[in-house]
């Protein structure tokens, strides 16, 4: 999850690419760690990026 967080917070220029690549991590987090606070926080950070792509 730390790699995913770094990808979100680095000021990445290609948000559509980030949204596409992050879908796999998001799916695993939803499946395996649905109730975990860190997973919820990451998914919350990811939502705006996925909406813009």
N, C-alpha and C. Protein backbone atom coordinates (compact mmCIF):
# COMPACT_ATOMS: atom_id res chain seq x y z
N UNK A 1 0.81 -1.18 0.00
CA UNK A 1 0.00 0.00 0.00
C UNK A 1 0.86 1.26 0.00
N UNK A 2 2.04 1.19 0.55
CA UNK A 2 2.91 2.37 0.58
C UNK A 2 3.32 2.79 -0.83
N UNK A 3 3.50 1.84 -1.74
CA UNK A 3 3.82 2.18 -3.12
C UNK A 3 2.65 2.91 -3.77
N UNK A 4 1.47 2.44 -3.48
CA UNK A 4 0.27 3.09 -4.02
C UNK A 4 0.14 4.51 -3.50
N UNK A 5 0.39 4.70 -2.23
CA UNK A 5 0.33 6.04 -1.63
C UNK A 5 1.37 6.97 -2.25
N UNK A 6 2.56 6.45 -2.45
CA UNK A 6 3.61 7.26 -3.08
C UNK A 6 3.21 7.67 -4.49
N UNK A 7 2.60 6.77 -5.21
CA UNK A 7 2.17 7.08 -6.58
C UNK A 7 1.13 8.20 -6.59
N UNK A 8 0.24 8.19 -5.63
CA UNK A 8 -0.78 9.24 -5.55
C UNK A 8 -0.17 10.58 -5.18
N UNK A 9 0.77 10.58 -4.27
CA UNK A 9 1.29 11.82 -3.70
C UNK A 9 2.49 12.42 -4.41
N UNK A 10 2.95 11.85 -5.50
CA UNK A 10 4.17 12.36 -6.16
C UNK A 10 3.91 13.44 -7.18
N UNK A 11 2.68 13.86 -7.37
CA UNK A 11 2.41 14.87 -8.38
C UNK A 11 2.47 14.32 -9.78
N UNK A 12 2.08 13.09 -9.91
CA UNK A 12 2.12 12.39 -11.18
C UNK A 12 1.35 13.16 -12.25
N UNK A 13 1.88 13.20 -13.45
CA UNK A 13 1.27 13.95 -14.54
C UNK A 13 0.18 13.17 -15.27
N UNK A 14 0.31 11.88 -15.35
CA UNK A 14 -0.63 11.06 -16.11
C UNK A 14 -1.65 10.41 -15.18
N UNK A 15 -2.67 11.15 -14.81
CA UNK A 15 -3.68 10.61 -13.90
C UNK A 15 -4.47 9.45 -14.50
N UNK A 16 -4.82 9.48 -15.79
CA UNK A 16 -5.50 8.30 -16.34
C UNK A 16 -4.67 7.03 -16.23
N UNK A 17 -3.37 7.13 -16.43
CA UNK A 17 -2.50 5.97 -16.31
C UNK A 17 -2.45 5.50 -14.86
N UNK A 18 -2.33 6.43 -13.92
CA UNK A 18 -2.33 6.07 -12.50
C UNK A 18 -3.63 5.39 -12.11
N UNK A 19 -4.75 5.92 -12.56
CA UNK A 19 -6.05 5.34 -12.23
C UNK A 19 -6.15 3.92 -12.76
N UNK A 20 -5.68 3.70 -13.97
CA UNK A 20 -5.75 2.37 -14.57
C UNK A 20 -4.88 1.37 -13.80
N UNK A 21 -3.66 1.75 -13.51
CA UNK A 21 -2.73 0.86 -12.82
C UNK A 21 -3.18 0.59 -11.39
N UNK A 22 -3.76 1.57 -10.76
CA UNK A 22 -4.15 1.43 -9.35
C UNK A 22 -5.39 0.56 -9.16
N UNK A 23 -6.10 0.26 -10.21
CA UNK A 23 -7.30 -0.57 -10.10
C UNK A 23 -7.02 -1.95 -9.52
N UNK A 24 -5.90 -2.53 -9.88
CA UNK A 24 -5.55 -3.86 -9.35
C UNK A 24 -5.33 -3.81 -7.84
N UNK A 25 -4.58 -2.82 -7.39
CA UNK A 25 -4.35 -2.68 -5.96
C UNK A 25 -5.65 -2.39 -5.23
N UNK A 26 -6.47 -1.53 -5.79
CA UNK A 26 -7.75 -1.20 -5.16
C UNK A 26 -8.64 -2.44 -5.04
N UNK A 27 -8.66 -3.29 -6.05
CA UNK A 27 -9.47 -4.50 -6.00
C UNK A 27 -9.00 -5.43 -4.88
N UNK A 28 -7.70 -5.60 -4.75
CA UNK A 28 -7.16 -6.45 -3.68
C UNK A 28 -7.48 -5.86 -2.32
N UNK A 29 -7.34 -4.56 -2.17
CA UNK A 29 -7.63 -3.93 -0.89
C UNK A 29 -9.10 -4.10 -0.52
N UNK A 30 -9.98 -3.92 -1.49
CA UNK A 30 -11.42 -4.09 -1.22
C UNK A 30 -11.74 -5.54 -0.83
N UNK A 31 -11.09 -6.47 -1.49
CA UNK A 31 -11.36 -7.89 -1.26
C UNK A 31 -10.80 -8.38 0.08
N UNK A 32 -9.56 -8.04 0.35
CA UNK A 32 -8.87 -8.62 1.51
C UNK A 32 -8.85 -7.73 2.75
N UNK A 33 -8.93 -6.42 2.56
CA UNK A 33 -8.73 -5.51 3.69
C UNK A 33 -9.85 -4.47 3.81
N UNK A 34 -11.06 -4.88 3.50
CA UNK A 34 -12.19 -3.94 3.43
C UNK A 34 -12.40 -3.11 4.69
N UNK A 35 -12.17 -3.67 5.85
CA UNK A 35 -12.42 -2.94 7.08
C UNK A 35 -11.21 -2.26 7.69
N UNK A 36 -10.06 -2.40 7.05
CA UNK A 36 -8.83 -1.85 7.61
C UNK A 36 -8.73 -0.34 7.36
N UNK A 37 -8.44 0.43 8.39
CA UNK A 37 -8.37 1.89 8.24
C UNK A 37 -7.41 2.36 7.15
N UNK A 38 -6.24 1.74 7.03
CA UNK A 38 -5.28 2.16 6.00
C UNK A 38 -5.82 1.91 4.59
N UNK A 39 -6.49 0.78 4.41
CA UNK A 39 -7.07 0.48 3.10
C UNK A 39 -8.17 1.48 2.76
N UNK A 40 -9.00 1.78 3.73
CA UNK A 40 -10.09 2.74 3.52
C UNK A 40 -9.52 4.12 3.17
N UNK A 41 -8.49 4.53 3.88
CA UNK A 41 -7.86 5.82 3.62
C UNK A 41 -7.27 5.88 2.20
N UNK A 42 -6.58 4.83 1.81
CA UNK A 42 -6.00 4.79 0.46
C UNK A 42 -7.09 4.85 -0.60
N UNK A 43 -8.13 4.05 -0.43
CA UNK A 43 -9.22 4.04 -1.41
C UNK A 43 -9.91 5.41 -1.48
N UNK A 44 -10.03 6.08 -0.35
CA UNK A 44 -10.60 7.43 -0.34
C UNK A 44 -9.72 8.40 -1.12
N UNK A 45 -8.40 8.26 -1.00
CA UNK A 45 -7.48 9.11 -1.74
C UNK A 45 -7.52 8.81 -3.24
N UNK A 46 -7.82 7.60 -3.58
CA UNK A 46 -7.81 7.16 -4.96
C UNK A 46 -9.08 7.58 -5.73
N UNK A 47 -10.20 7.71 -5.04
CA UNK A 47 -11.47 8.02 -5.71
C UNK A 47 -11.43 9.24 -6.61
N UNK A 48 -10.93 10.37 -6.15
CA UNK A 48 -10.92 11.55 -7.05
C UNK A 48 -10.09 11.33 -8.31
N UNK A 49 -9.03 10.58 -8.19
CA UNK A 49 -8.18 10.30 -9.36
C UNK A 49 -8.93 9.43 -10.36
N UNK A 50 -9.64 8.45 -9.86
CA UNK A 50 -10.38 7.55 -10.74
C UNK A 50 -11.54 8.28 -11.42
N UNK A 51 -12.12 9.25 -10.75
CA UNK A 51 -13.23 10.02 -11.34
C UNK A 51 -12.77 10.90 -12.49
N UNK A 52 -11.55 11.41 -12.41
CA UNK A 52 -11.06 12.33 -13.44
C UNK A 52 -10.57 11.62 -14.69
N UNK A 53 -10.42 10.32 -14.62
CA UNK A 53 -9.89 9.60 -15.78
C UNK A 53 -11.01 9.06 -16.66
